[in-house]
């Protein structure tokens, strides 16, 4: 399922995650931690890969279209667990 959110919203979610969350998501999905970081706006394609994130410039950091929301959903579930 695709989803469109602002880049700043995506970064706020990432920044709200507790320590170790990137590694947890990577382990559960069988991805490298750098690929998970790239999903949230990182740019390390040497050690990680792209993951269907398309960024268009604009207000509030621009618009981000996510081709697959699995990582986002896991991040939101982790945030719910911590609240």
C-alpha atoms as a PDB file:
ATOM      1  CA  UNK A   1       0.000   0.000   0.000  1.00  0.00           C
ATOM      2  CA  UNK A   2       1.350   3.452  -0.838  1.00  0.00           C
ATOM      3  CA  UNK A   3       1.171   6.463   1.431  1.00  0.00           C
ATOM      4  CA  UNK A   4       2.055  10.122   1.020  1.00  0.00           C
ATOM      5  CA  UNK A   5       3.285  12.179   3.990  1.00  0.00           C
ATOM      6  CA  UNK A   6       5.552  15.169   4.454  1.00  0.00           C
ATOM      7  CA  UNK A   7       9.275  14.634   4.831  1.00  0.00           C
ATOM      8  CA  UNK A   8       9.224  16.442   8.174  1.00  0.00           C
ATOM      9  CA  UNK A   9       6.472  14.127   9.462  1.00  0.00           C
ATOM     10  CA  UNK A  10       8.523  11.093   8.429  1.00  0.00           C
ATOM     11  CA  UNK A  11      11.576  12.514  10.241  1.00  0.00           C
ATOM     12  CA  UNK A  12       9.502  13.296  13.356  1.00  0.00           C
ATOM     13  CA  UNK A  13       8.432   9.661  13.513  1.00  0.00           C
ATOM     14  CA  UNK A  14      12.046   8.519  13.140  1.00  0.00           C
ATOM     15  CA  UNK A  15      13.293  10.970  15.758  1.00  0.00           C
ATOM     16  CA  UNK A  16      10.602   9.825  18.226  1.00  0.00           C
ATOM     17  CA  UNK A  17      11.643   6.171  18.079  1.00  0.00           C
ATOM     18  CA  UNK A  18      13.504   4.786  21.095  1.00  0.00           C
ATOM     19  CA  UNK A  19      17.149   3.768  20.764  1.00  0.00           C
ATOM     20  CA  UNK A  20      17.611   0.476  18.974  1.00  0.00           C
ATOM     21  CA  UNK A  21      14.425   0.754  16.923  1.00  0.00           C
ATOM     22  CA  UNK A  22      16.193   0.939  13.558  1.00  0.00           C
ATOM     23  CA  UNK A  23      18.038  -2.301  14.347  1.00  0.00           C
ATOM     24  CA  UNK A  24      14.843  -3.943  15.613  1.00  0.00           C
ATOM     25  CA  UNK A  25      12.954  -3.061  12.419  1.00  0.00           C
ATOM     26  CA  UNK A  26      15.874  -4.246  10.284  1.00  0.00           C
ATOM     27  CA  UNK A  27      16.105  -7.551  12.150  1.00  0.00           C
ATOM     28  CA  UNK A  28      12.370  -8.239  12.002  1.00  0.00           C
ATOM     29  CA  UNK A  29      12.192  -7.497   8.261  1.00  0.00           C
ATOM     30  CA  UNK A  30      15.514  -9.064   7.276  1.00  0.00           C
ATOM     31  CA  UNK A  31      16.920  -5.747   6.030  1.00  0.00           C
ATOM     32  CA  UNK A  32      20.151  -3.921   6.711  1.00  0.00           C
ATOM     33  CA  UNK A  33      19.900  -1.158   9.294  1.00  0.00           C
ATOM     34  CA  UNK A  34      21.165   1.288   6.644  1.00  0.00           C
ATOM     35  CA  UNK A  35      18.221   0.413   4.393  1.00  0.00           C
ATOM     36  CA  UNK A  36      15.839   1.245   7.258  1.00  0.00           C
ATOM     37  CA  UNK A  37      17.681   4.533   7.842  1.00  0.00           C
ATOM     38  CA  UNK A  38      17.435   5.303   4.109  1.00  0.00           C
ATOM     39  CA  UNK A  39      13.658   4.825   4.368  1.00  0.00           C
ATOM     40  CA  UNK A  40      13.582   7.662   6.898  1.00  0.00           C
ATOM     41  CA  UNK A  41      15.624  10.004   4.713  1.00  0.00           C
ATOM     42  CA  UNK A  42      19.166   8.669   5.005  1.00  0.00           C
ATOM     43  CA  UNK A  43      21.467   8.528   2.004  1.00  0.00           C
ATOM     44  CA  UNK A  44      23.831   5.601   2.617  1.00  0.00           C
ATOM     45  CA  UNK A  45      23.396   3.511  -0.502  1.00  0.00           C
ATOM     46  CA  UNK A  46      26.838   1.924  -0.177  1.00  0.00           C
ATOM     47  CA  UNK A  47      25.796  -0.180   2.828  1.00  0.00           C
ATOM     48  CA  UNK A  48      22.013   0.026   2.415  1.00  0.00           C
ATOM     49  CA  UNK A  49      19.606   0.082  -0.464  1.00  0.00           C
ATOM     50  CA  UNK A  50      16.698   2.200  -1.591  1.00  0.00           C
ATOM     51  CA  UNK A  51      13.285   1.138  -0.435  1.00  0.00           C
ATOM     52  CA  UNK A  52      10.611   2.832  -2.512  1.00  0.00           C
ATOM     53  CA  UNK A  53      10.804   6.321  -1.060  1.00  0.00           C
ATOM     54  CA  UNK A  54      10.176   9.183  -3.487  1.00  0.00           C
ATOM     55  CA  UNK A  55      10.709  12.762  -2.279  1.00  0.00           C
ATOM     56  CA  UNK A  56       9.311  15.817  -4.043  1.00  0.00           C
ATOM     57  CA  UNK A  57      10.483  19.280  -2.927  1.00  0.00           C
ATOM     58  CA  UNK A  58       7.923  21.495  -1.259  1.00  0.00           C
ATOM     59  CA  UNK A  59       6.765  22.998   2.024  1.00  0.00           C
ATOM     60  CA  UNK A  60       7.335  21.129   5.307  1.00  0.00           C
ATOM     61  CA  UNK A  61      10.358  19.355   3.832  1.00  0.00           C
ATOM     62  CA  UNK A  62       8.523  18.222   0.721  1.00  0.00           C
ATOM     63  CA  UNK A  63       6.188  15.339   0.051  1.00  0.00           C
ATOM     64  CA  UNK A  64       7.272  11.721   0.416  1.00  0.00           C
ATOM     65  CA  UNK A  65       5.532   8.892  -1.365  1.00  0.00           C
ATOM     66  CA  UNK A  66       6.175   5.529   0.256  1.00  0.00           C
ATOM     67  CA  UNK A  67       5.683   2.561  -2.075  1.00  0.00           C
ATOM     68  CA  UNK A  68       5.544   0.158   0.881  1.00  0.00           C
ATOM     69  CA  UNK A  69       4.405   1.211   4.344  1.00  0.00           C
ATOM     70  CA  UNK A  70       5.697  -1.841   6.244  1.00  0.00           C
ATOM     71  CA  UNK A  71       8.628   0.006   7.859  1.00  0.00           C
ATOM     72  CA  UNK A  72       6.426   2.979   8.726  1.00  0.00           C
ATOM     73  CA  UNK A  73       3.793   0.711  10.277  1.00  0.00           C
ATOM     74  CA  UNK A  74       6.427  -1.062  12.379  1.00  0.00           C
ATOM     75  CA  UNK A  75       7.782   2.306  13.559  1.00  0.00           C
ATOM     76  CA  UNK A  76       4.280   3.423  14.525  1.00  0.00           C
ATOM     77  CA  UNK A  77       3.706   0.139  16.387  1.00  0.00           C
ATOM     78  CA  UNK A  78       6.963   0.660  18.329  1.00  0.00           C
ATOM     79  CA  UNK A  79       5.840   4.193  19.230  1.00  0.00           C
ATOM     80  CA  UNK A  80       2.498   2.832  20.472  1.00  0.00           C
ATOM     81  CA  UNK A  81       4.334   0.257  22.615  1.00  0.00           C
ATOM     82  CA  UNK A  82       6.410   2.990  24.271  1.00  0.00           C
ATOM     83  CA  UNK A  83       3.398   5.174  25.126  1.00  0.00           C
END
